[in-house]
Amino acid sequence: MKKSKIIFIILGIILIGGLIGVAIWMFTKSPKEESIEEPIPEVPVPKLQIIDEESNSRPIAVMINNHAQARRNHAGLQDAYVVYEMIVEGGLTRLMAVFKDQDTDRIGSVRSSRHNYLDYALEHDAIYVHFGWSPQAESDIRTLGINNINGLYDNGFYRDFSLGVDYEHTAFTSMSAIRETISQKGYRTTSSQPLLLQYSIDEIGLDGREDAMIANSISLRYSAYVTSSYVYDPEQKVYDRSVNGEIHKDAVTQEQYHFKNIIIASVNNYNLDSYGRQNLDTVGTGSGYFITDGYAVPITWSKPSRQAQTVYSYMDGTEITVNDGNTFIQIFPTYQTAVIS
């Protein structure tokens, strides 16, 4: 009995000693290094390069002289996110370049307004910049209440007589000068109107569509005086522009103008007066082509009113989405044929 008691005492001492040892070890052991979670890097949300979709700044549309004397001195068009071309009197064409959030130093040469361009300025909610106007354009600008800057009366323009061309081809402007004049005139500088076109950040191709055709070369003969053409550059994935067989380039950068997307909209035109000024049926529906990345597909266009935005759709009625990049919209006579190959 006495022996058992001794054994129990010994076992108790051993147990207590073990517990004390465990406690000492727990108290004195090196703290385990805490695992530090590496922060997950934020993946930037891809954004369009051609335009800031979050910007509410108001676009600015500038009338561009496309006479042969003026064309060799063109400046600033590459900064526009959309450029229009359509026919005017005498078989000539004029351009309208639409800018947003740009600081272009030299734009021009600037020429007078024609009333049909107002329909396309309106669909961008753009401030309209021009140097002079036709009687129809003057009347419509006043009637429609279009915010405009006119070189005949407003600041923001200068003449470059060093070019050695006729007087009417010498008017130029800049974004800073335009904005200063906008401030002087108190025009609204923001817009809630959505963009005219839907853009895709990811490259889209048309080659998978059943109605797609190869489009490495495009020729658009407006008249005996003007043929606009493009050649596809497969490395840069853009269309290099020429006019009447000559490279169309910027006089400042000496860079050939190039465009990611081309839209051809066939629109009827006819003489409006004895001077030969044109009227175009810009309101209504028609056919055309959407061209990008070496392929073209037939489309339709629809514009229910002068102020409404033109909707460009595939033949199944789905609105087109263009690639991230600048777009040239060719408002093309219905009696002419676009040559695409």
Protein backbone atom coordinates (compact mmCIF):
# COMPACT_ATOMS: atom_id res chain seq x y z
CA MET A 1 0.00 0.00 0.00
CA LYS A 2 2.78 2.31 0.95
CA LYS A 3 4.56 1.36 -2.23
CA SER A 4 1.51 2.23 -4.40
CA LYS A 5 1.25 5.60 -2.71
CA ILE A 6 4.84 6.34 -3.56
CA ILE A 7 4.20 5.38 -7.19
CA PHE A 8 1.20 7.72 -7.38
CA ILE A 9 3.25 10.55 -5.91
CA ILE A 10 6.02 9.96 -8.46
CA LEU A 11 3.52 9.86 -11.35
CA GLY A 12 1.92 13.08 -10.05
CA ILE A 13 5.29 14.79 -9.88
CA ILE A 14 6.06 13.64 -13.45
CA LEU A 15 2.66 14.84 -14.70
CA ILE A 16 2.98 18.22 -12.99
CA GLY A 17 6.52 18.60 -14.31
CA GLY A 18 5.35 17.80 -17.82
CA LEU A 19 2.56 20.34 -17.63
CA ILE A 20 4.98 22.97 -16.32
CA GLY A 21 7.40 22.13 -19.15
CA VAL A 22 4.68 22.45 -21.78
CA ALA A 23 3.60 25.78 -20.28
CA ILE A 24 7.18 27.07 -20.27
CA TRP A 25 7.63 25.93 -23.92
CA MET A 26 4.41 27.58 -24.98
CA PHE A 27 5.41 30.79 -23.25
CA THR A 28 9.01 30.92 -24.42
CA LYS A 29 8.73 29.51 -27.98
CA SER A 30 9.48 31.91 -30.85
CA PRO A 31 6.33 33.40 -32.21
CA LYS A 32 5.40 31.90 -35.50
CA GLU A 33 5.90 34.30 -38.34
CA GLU A 34 2.56 35.65 -39.39
CA SER A 35 1.73 35.00 -43.01
CA ILE A 36 1.50 38.28 -44.89
CA GLU A 37 -0.99 38.19 -47.71
CA GLU A 38 0.34 39.86 -50.83
CA PRO A 39 -2.15 42.43 -52.11
CA ILE A 40 -3.77 41.40 -55.35
CA PRO A 41 -2.70 43.92 -57.97
CA GLU A 42 -5.54 45.83 -59.50
CA VAL A 43 -6.00 45.05 -63.15
CA PRO A 44 -6.60 48.32 -64.99
CA VAL A 45 -9.89 48.43 -66.82
CA PRO A 46 -9.14 48.73 -70.55
CA LYS A 47 -10.14 52.07 -72.03
CA LEU A 48 -10.68 53.27 -75.55
CA GLN A 49 -7.70 54.99 -77.14
CA ILE A 50 -9.63 57.05 -79.68
CA ILE A 51 -11.93 58.73 -77.19
CA ASP A 52 -12.60 58.94 -73.45
CA GLU A 53 -16.04 57.44 -72.93
CA GLU A 54 -16.23 58.98 -69.46
CA SER A 55 -15.63 62.51 -70.74
CA ASN A 56 -18.66 64.78 -71.02
CA SER A 57 -16.84 67.53 -72.91
CA ARG A 58 -18.70 68.79 -75.94
CA PRO A 59 -17.36 67.87 -79.40
CA ILE A 60 -16.19 70.53 -81.86
CA ALA A 61 -16.88 70.14 -85.59
CA VAL A 62 -14.69 72.11 -88.00
CA MET A 63 -15.41 72.67 -91.71
CA ILE A 64 -12.32 71.78 -93.75
CA ASN A 65 -11.57 73.12 -97.21
CA ASN A 66 -10.89 70.26 -99.67
CA HIS A 67 -9.98 72.27 -102.75
CA ALA A 68 -6.77 71.04 -104.42
CA GLN A 69 -4.92 74.22 -103.33
CA ALA A 70 -6.05 73.70 -99.74
CA ARG A 71 -5.56 69.95 -99.56
CA ARG A 72 -1.77 70.07 -99.68
CA ASN A 73 -1.85 72.30 -96.59
CA HIS A 74 -4.32 70.26 -94.55
CA ALA A 75 -3.49 70.17 -90.86
CA GLY A 76 -4.90 68.52 -87.76
CA LEU A 77 -7.27 65.97 -89.30
CA GLN A 78 -5.54 62.99 -87.72
CA ASP A 79 -6.64 64.24 -84.28
CA ALA A 80 -10.33 64.06 -85.20
CA TYR A 81 -12.18 60.96 -84.04
CA VAL A 82 -14.67 61.23 -86.92
CA VAL A 83 -14.26 62.92 -90.32
CA TYR A 84 -17.05 63.37 -92.88
CA GLU A 85 -16.77 64.00 -96.62
CA MET A 86 -19.63 64.99 -98.91
CA ILE A 87 -20.17 66.69 -102.21
CA VAL A 88 -20.76 70.42 -102.65
CA GLU A 89 -21.11 72.65 -105.70
CA GLY A 90 -18.90 72.23 -108.73
CA GLY A 91 -18.26 68.53 -108.11
CA LEU A 92 -15.94 69.39 -105.22
CA THR A 93 -16.18 68.02 -101.70
CA ARG A 94 -15.65 69.46 -98.26
CA LEU A 95 -14.74 67.73 -95.04
CA MET A 96 -15.97 68.14 -91.51
CA ALA A 97 -13.60 67.00 -88.76
CA VAL A 98 -15.07 66.27 -85.33
CA PHE A 99 -12.74 66.67 -82.32
CA LYS A 100 -13.11 65.85 -78.64
CA ASP A 101 -10.61 66.52 -75.83
CA GLN A 102 -7.82 67.48 -78.23
CA ASP A 103 -5.26 70.29 -78.11
CA THR A 104 -4.45 70.47 -81.81
CA ASP A 105 -2.29 73.50 -82.62
CA ARG A 106 -3.18 73.95 -86.29
CA ILE A 107 -6.44 72.98 -88.01
CA GLY A 108 -7.45 73.84 -91.53
CA SER A 109 -7.74 75.34 -93.80
CA VAL A 110 -11.21 76.27 -92.61
CA ARG A 111 -13.94 76.95 -95.16
CA SER A 112 -17.57 78.04 -95.25
CA SER A 113 -20.60 76.11 -94.10
CA ARG A 114 -23.03 74.15 -96.23
CA HIS A 115 -26.38 73.35 -94.66
CA ASN A 116 -26.21 69.55 -94.98
CA TYR A 117 -23.15 69.41 -92.74
CA LEU A 118 -25.32 70.78 -89.95
CA ASP A 119 -27.22 67.48 -89.87
CA TYR A 120 -24.02 65.67 -88.95
CA ALA A 121 -22.78 68.33 -86.52
CA LEU A 122 -26.13 68.05 -84.74
CA GLU A 123 -25.83 64.30 -84.28
CA HIS A 124 -22.67 64.91 -82.25
CA ASP A 125 -24.13 67.87 -80.34
CA ALA A 126 -21.04 69.68 -81.61
CA ILE A 127 -20.12 73.34 -81.61
CA TYR A 128 -19.83 74.12 -85.32
CA VAL A 129 -16.78 76.02 -86.58
CA HIS A 130 -16.70 77.52 -90.10
CA PHE A 131 -15.51 80.56 -92.07
CA GLY A 132 -18.52 81.97 -93.90
CA TRP A 133 -21.75 80.27 -94.97
CA SER A 134 -24.11 79.68 -97.85
CA PRO A 135 -27.54 81.36 -97.66
CA GLN A 136 -29.13 78.01 -96.75
CA ALA A 137 -26.57 77.33 -94.02
CA GLU A 138 -26.95 80.82 -92.57
CA SER A 139 -30.72 80.41 -92.42
CA ASP A 140 -30.55 76.93 -90.86
CA ILE A 141 -27.92 77.88 -88.29
CA ARG A 142 -30.16 80.70 -87.08
CA THR A 143 -33.39 78.67 -87.25
CA LEU A 144 -31.97 75.60 -85.54
CA GLY A 145 -30.09 77.67 -82.95
CA ILE A 146 -26.78 75.94 -83.62
CA ASN A 147 -23.87 77.12 -81.50
CA ASN A 148 -21.35 78.18 -84.11
CA ILE A 149 -18.12 80.10 -84.55
CA ASN A 150 -17.95 81.98 -87.84
CA GLY A 151 -14.66 83.41 -89.05
CA LEU A 152 -16.51 86.28 -90.72
CA TYR A 153 -17.47 87.71 -87.34
CA ASP A 154 -15.77 85.79 -84.53
CA ASN A 155 -12.26 85.53 -83.12
CA GLY A 156 -10.25 82.35 -83.26
CA PHE A 157 -8.86 82.36 -86.80
CA TYR A 158 -5.75 83.57 -88.58
CA ARG A 159 -4.62 83.84 -92.19
CA ASP A 160 -1.43 82.14 -93.36
CA PHE A 161 -0.33 84.06 -96.44
CA SER A 162 2.99 82.25 -96.62
CA LEU A 163 1.36 79.30 -98.36
CA GLY A 164 1.20 80.95 -101.77
CA VAL A 165 -2.43 79.97 -102.38
CA ASP A 166 -5.58 81.98 -103.07
CA TYR A 167 -6.97 84.02 -100.20
CA GLU A 168 -9.95 81.74 -99.50
CA HIS A 169 -7.61 78.83 -98.75
CA THR A 170 -5.58 80.55 -96.01
CA ALA A 171 -7.80 80.46 -92.88
CA PHE A 172 -6.61 78.31 -89.96
CA THR A 173 -7.49 77.86 -86.31
CA SER A 174 -6.43 75.87 -83.24
CA MET A 175 -8.21 74.15 -80.37
CA SER A 176 -6.97 76.70 -77.87
CA ALA A 177 -8.29 79.57 -80.04
CA ILE A 178 -11.62 77.80 -80.51
CA ARG A 179 -12.01 77.22 -76.77
CA GLU A 180 -11.23 80.84 -76.02
CA THR A 181 -13.93 81.94 -78.45
CA ILE A 182 -16.36 79.41 -76.98
CA SER A 183 -15.74 81.00 -73.57
CA GLN A 184 -16.29 84.50 -74.98
CA LYS A 185 -19.57 83.44 -76.55
CA GLY A 186 -20.73 81.58 -73.45
CA TYR A 187 -21.53 78.34 -75.21
CA ARG A 188 -22.23 75.16 -73.26
CA THR A 189 -19.04 73.09 -73.04
CA THR A 190 -20.47 69.77 -71.80
CA SER A 191 -22.79 67.29 -73.43
CA SER A 192 -24.90 64.38 -72.24
CA GLN A 193 -25.43 63.05 -75.75
CA PRO A 194 -24.07 59.53 -76.31
CA LEU A 195 -21.36 58.88 -78.85
CA LEU A 196 -22.51 58.41 -82.40
CA LEU A 197 -20.77 55.05 -82.80
CA GLN A 198 -20.35 51.99 -80.61
CA TYR A 199 -16.68 51.13 -80.09
CA SER A 200 -14.95 47.88 -79.22
CA ILE A 201 -11.76 47.86 -77.16
CA ASP A 202 -11.08 44.31 -78.31
CA GLU A 203 -10.24 43.95 -81.98
CA ILE A 204 -13.22 42.89 -84.02
CA GLY A 205 -13.00 41.31 -87.44
CA LEU A 206 -15.55 41.10 -90.21
CA ASP A 207 -13.97 38.13 -91.98
CA GLY A 208 -16.21 35.66 -90.14
CA ARG A 209 -19.40 37.16 -91.54
CA GLU A 210 -21.02 35.43 -94.52
CA ASP A 211 -21.50 38.73 -96.34
CA ALA A 212 -17.89 39.93 -95.84
CA MET A 213 -15.71 40.78 -98.80
CA ILE A 214 -12.00 41.53 -99.02
CA ALA A 215 -11.31 45.26 -98.80
CA ASN A 216 -7.64 45.96 -99.39
CA SER A 217 -8.38 48.83 -101.73
CA ILE A 218 -11.28 51.31 -101.81
CA SER A 219 -11.96 53.90 -104.49
CA LEU A 220 -14.75 56.50 -104.22
CA ARG A 221 -15.20 58.71 -107.25
CA TYR A 222 -17.33 61.70 -106.24
CA SER A 223 -16.91 63.50 -109.55
CA ALA A 224 -14.38 64.23 -112.26
CA TYR A 225 -12.61 66.44 -109.71
CA VAL A 226 -12.45 64.29 -106.58
CA THR A 227 -11.72 60.61 -106.01
CA SER A 228 -11.00 59.51 -102.45
CA SER A 229 -9.17 56.22 -102.06
CA TYR A 230 -7.66 53.98 -99.40
CA VAL A 231 -5.13 51.17 -99.26
CA TYR A 232 -5.07 48.77 -96.34
CA ASP A 233 -1.88 48.47 -94.30
CA PRO A 234 -2.04 44.95 -92.77
CA GLU A 235 0.83 45.62 -90.35
CA GLN A 236 -0.69 48.74 -88.79
CA LYS A 237 -4.27 47.56 -89.47
CA VAL A 238 -5.32 50.96 -90.82
CA TYR A 239 -6.35 52.44 -94.16
CA ASP A 240 -3.96 54.94 -95.72
CA ARG A 241 -5.83 57.73 -97.51
CA SER A 242 -5.14 59.33 -100.89
CA VAL A 243 -7.04 61.84 -103.02
CA ASN A 244 -6.86 61.85 -106.81
CA GLY A 245 -4.01 59.37 -106.66
CA GLU A 246 -1.86 61.52 -104.39
CA ILE A 247 -1.04 60.71 -100.78
CA HIS A 248 -3.25 62.75 -98.45
CA LYS A 249 -0.94 63.88 -95.69
CA ASP A 250 -0.71 66.40 -92.88
CA ALA A 251 1.33 69.50 -93.73
CA VAL A 252 2.65 69.78 -90.16
CA THR A 253 3.57 66.17 -89.37
CA GLN A 254 4.08 65.06 -93.01
CA GLU A 255 2.27 61.87 -91.99
CA GLN A 256 -0.19 60.25 -94.37
CA TYR A 257 -3.71 60.35 -92.98
CA HIS A 258 -4.90 56.92 -91.93
CA PHE A 259 -8.12 55.58 -90.49
CA LYS A 260 -9.13 52.48 -88.58
CA ASN A 261 -12.73 52.38 -89.78
CA ILE A 262 -14.43 53.56 -92.96
CA ILE A 263 -18.19 53.94 -93.32
CA ILE A 264 -19.70 54.55 -96.74
CA ALA A 265 -23.26 55.90 -96.72
CA SER A 266 -24.95 56.30 -100.09
CA VAL A 267 -27.04 59.50 -100.03
CA ASN A 268 -28.98 61.13 -102.87
CA ASN A 269 -27.93 64.66 -103.87
CA TYR A 270 -29.24 67.21 -106.38
CA ASN A 271 -28.85 70.87 -107.36
CA LEU A 272 -30.43 73.32 -104.97
CA ASP A 273 -29.91 76.60 -106.83
CA SER A 274 -28.48 78.14 -109.99
CA TYR A 275 -25.07 78.39 -108.28
CA GLY A 276 -24.96 74.60 -108.16
CA ARG A 277 -25.14 74.23 -104.39
CA GLN A 278 -26.29 70.77 -103.41
CA ASN A 279 -29.04 69.38 -101.24
CA LEU A 280 -28.61 65.90 -99.80
CA ASP A 281 -31.32 63.55 -98.53
CA THR A 282 -29.55 63.00 -95.23
CA VAL A 283 -32.82 62.20 -93.45
CA GLY A 284 -34.27 58.79 -94.27
CA THR A 285 -32.63 55.44 -94.97
CA GLY A 286 -30.07 54.09 -97.36
CA SER A 287 -27.35 51.54 -97.96
CA GLY A 288 -23.60 51.50 -97.64
CA TYR A 289 -20.58 49.62 -96.33
CA PHE A 290 -18.66 49.23 -93.10
CA ILE A 291 -14.95 48.58 -93.64
CA THR A 292 -12.26 47.67 -91.11
CA ASP A 293 -9.21 45.39 -90.84
CA GLY A 294 -9.18 44.44 -94.52
CA TYR A 295 -12.84 43.48 -94.93
CA ALA A 296 -16.09 45.18 -95.89
CA VAL A 297 -19.70 44.28 -95.21
CA PRO A 298 -22.88 45.84 -96.60
CA ILE A 299 -24.87 47.95 -94.13
CA THR A 300 -27.87 50.23 -93.95
CA TRP A 301 -28.11 53.70 -92.48
CA SER A 302 -31.12 55.36 -90.89
CA LYS A 303 -31.59 58.96 -89.73
CA PRO A 304 -35.15 59.90 -88.72
CA SER A 305 -34.54 63.66 -88.37
CA ARG A 306 -31.86 66.28 -88.82
CA GLN A 307 -31.08 66.30 -85.09
CA ALA A 308 -31.22 62.50 -84.67
CA GLN A 309 -28.12 60.36 -84.74
CA THR A 310 -27.54 58.21 -87.80
CA VAL A 311 -27.71 54.51 -86.99
CA TYR A 312 -25.52 52.22 -89.08
CA SER A 313 -26.64 48.59 -89.04
CA TYR A 314 -25.73 45.23 -90.50
CA MET A 315 -28.24 43.77 -92.94
CA ASP A 316 -29.81 41.75 -90.11
CA GLY A 317 -30.67 44.99 -88.30
CA THR A 318 -27.96 44.79 -85.63
CA GLU A 319 -26.18 48.10 -85.06
CA ILE A 320 -22.52 47.93 -86.04
CA THR A 321 -19.68 48.20 -83.55
CA VAL A 322 -16.50 49.77 -84.88
CA ASN A 323 -12.92 49.12 -83.85
CA ASP A 324 -11.17 51.42 -81.41
CA GLY A 325 -9.78 54.08 -83.71
CA ASN A 326 -10.69 57.01 -85.91
CA THR A 327 -13.48 56.72 -88.47
CA PHE A 328 -13.93 58.33 -91.88
CA ILE A 329 -17.58 58.60 -92.93
CA GLN A 330 -17.94 58.97 -96.68
CA ILE A 331 -21.35 60.47 -97.53
CA PHE A 332 -21.30 59.17 -101.09
CA PRO A 333 -23.55 59.95 -104.08
CA THR A 334 -26.09 57.23 -104.86
CA TYR A 335 -25.35 57.51 -108.58
CA GLN A 336 -21.71 56.55 -108.05
CA THR A 337 -20.32 53.10 -107.28
CA ALA A 338 -17.85 52.34 -104.52
CA VAL A 339 -15.06 50.12 -105.88
CA ILE A 340 -13.88 47.69 -103.17
CA SER A 341 -11.33 44.98 -103.85
